[in-house]
C-alpha atoms as a PDB file:
ATOM      1  CA  MET A   1      -1.081  -6.032   9.392  1.00  0.00           C
ATOM      2  CA  LEU A   2      -4.467  -7.077   8.084  1.00  0.00           C
ATOM      3  CA  SER A   3      -2.047  -9.326   5.663  1.00  0.00           C
ATOM      4  CA  LEU A   4       1.231 -10.424   4.750  1.00  0.00           C
ATOM      5  CA  ASP A   5       2.108 -13.112   1.598  1.00  0.00           C
ATOM      6  CA  HIS A   6       4.699 -14.539   0.647  1.00  0.00           C
ATOM      7  CA  PHE A   7       5.282 -15.556  -2.975  1.00  0.00           C
ATOM      8  CA  ASP A   8       7.687 -18.341  -3.713  1.00  0.00           C
ATOM      9  CA  PRO A   9      10.232 -18.701  -5.022  1.00  0.00           C
ATOM     10  CA  GLU A  10      11.096 -15.225  -5.700  1.00  0.00           C
ATOM     11  CA  HIS A  11      11.174 -14.125  -1.923  1.00  0.00           C
ATOM     12  CA  PHE A  12       8.598 -11.450  -3.262  1.00  0.00           C
ATOM     13  CA  LEU A  13       6.484 -10.189  -0.096  1.00  0.00           C
ATOM     14  CA  VAL A  14       3.258  -8.210  -0.340  1.00  0.00           C
ATOM     15  CA  GLY A  15       1.668  -7.140   3.206  1.00  0.00           C
ATOM     16  CA  MET A  16      -1.380  -5.008   3.839  1.00  0.00           C
ATOM     17  CA  PHE A  17      -1.378  -2.608   6.626  1.00  0.00           C
ATOM     18  CA  GLU A  18      -3.539  -0.002   7.926  1.00  0.00           C
ATOM     19  CA  ALA A  19      -1.667   2.965   9.370  1.00  0.00           C
ATOM     20  CA  GLU A  20      -2.799   6.928   9.901  1.00  0.00           C
ATOM     21  CA  ASN A  21      -0.345   7.767   7.137  1.00  0.00           C
ATOM     22  CA  SER A  22       2.218   6.276   4.474  1.00  0.00           C
ATOM     23  CA  GLU A  23       5.320   8.031   6.867  1.00  0.00           C
ATOM     24  CA  VAL A  24       4.203   5.651   9.998  1.00  0.00           C
ATOM     25  CA  LEU A  25       4.143   2.916   7.708  1.00  0.00           C
ATOM     26  CA  ARG A  26       7.533   3.761   5.985  1.00  0.00           C
ATOM     27  CA  ASP A  27       9.235   4.693   9.808  1.00  0.00           C
ATOM     28  CA  PHE A  28       7.658   1.357  11.355  1.00  0.00           C
ATOM     29  CA  LEU A  29       9.158  -0.981   8.072  1.00  0.00           C
ATOM     30  CA  MET A  30      12.704   0.923   8.640  1.00  0.00           C
ATOM     31  CA  GLU A  31      12.492   0.576  12.322  1.00  0.00           C
ATOM     32  CA  ALA A  32      11.648  -3.438  12.126  1.00  0.00           C
ATOM     33  CA  GLY A  33      15.274  -3.334   9.859  1.00  0.00           C
ATOM     34  CA  LEU A  34      13.265  -4.305   6.069  1.00  0.00           C
ATOM     35  CA  MET A  35      15.122  -1.647   4.315  1.00  0.00           C
ATOM     36  CA  ALA A  36      18.322  -3.567   4.887  1.00  0.00           C
ATOM     37  CA  TRP A  37      17.381  -6.370   3.132  1.00  0.00           C
ATOM     38  CA  ASN A  38      14.465  -5.886   0.487  1.00  0.00           C
ATOM     39  CA  ASP A  39      13.087  -3.504  -1.645  1.00  0.00           C
ATOM     40  CA  LEU A  40      10.124  -1.414  -0.263  1.00  0.00           C
ATOM     41  CA  LYS A  41       7.297   0.105  -2.264  1.00  0.00           C
ATOM     42  CA  ILE A  42       4.720   1.547  -0.806  1.00  0.00           C
ATOM     43  CA  ASN A  43       1.259   1.971  -2.292  1.00  0.00           C
ATOM     44  CA  SER A  44      -1.874   4.122  -0.419  1.00  0.00           C
ATOM     45  CA  ILE A  45      -5.120   2.205  -1.341  1.00  0.00           C
ATOM     46  CA  THR A  46      -8.683   3.615  -1.477  1.00  0.00           C
ATOM     47  CA  PRO A  47     -11.503   0.844  -1.666  1.00  0.00           C
ATOM     48  CA  ALA A  48     -13.629   0.943  -4.625  1.00  0.00           C
ATOM     49  CA  LYS A  49     -16.901   2.063  -2.820  1.00  0.00           C
ATOM     50  CA  ASP A  50     -15.030   5.300  -2.109  1.00  0.00           C
ATOM     51  CA  LEU A  51     -14.524   5.517  -5.302  1.00  0.00           C
ATOM     52  CA  MET A  52     -17.786   5.155  -6.649  1.00  0.00           C
ATOM     53  CA  ASP A  53     -19.180   7.159  -4.116  1.00  0.00           C
ATOM     54  CA  ASN A  54     -17.104  10.218  -5.297  1.00  0.00           C
ATOM     55  CA  ILE A  55     -17.001   9.462  -9.704  1.00  0.00           C
ATOM     56  CA  ASP A  56     -19.368  12.866  -9.568  1.00  0.00           C
ATOM     57  CA  GLN A  57     -16.273  14.771  -8.514  1.00  0.00           C
ATOM     58  CA  ALA A  58     -13.572  13.831 -10.660  1.00  0.00           C
ATOM     59  CA  PRO A  59     -12.818  15.548 -14.257  1.00  0.00           C
ATOM     60  CA  PRO A  60     -14.908  14.771 -17.347  1.00  0.00           C
ATOM     61  CA  THR A  61     -12.391  12.409 -19.755  1.00  0.00           C
ATOM     62  CA  ILE A  62     -11.433  14.333 -23.217  1.00  0.00           C
ATOM     63  CA  PHE A  63     -12.348  10.913 -25.097  1.00  0.00           C
END
């Protein structure tokens, strides 16, 4: 776990984790019992530097 923040008063948590893949993280969170009383949403991220380093591989836009 890289970070875990709680937003009051909504009892809303945002965490940042480093894992081999999203399935490993999902399994960990389920085994921890967090699915029993929380909605779970997992979003993979790409560091902005990696996006910019590979921008030339993106397809052209139509605009």
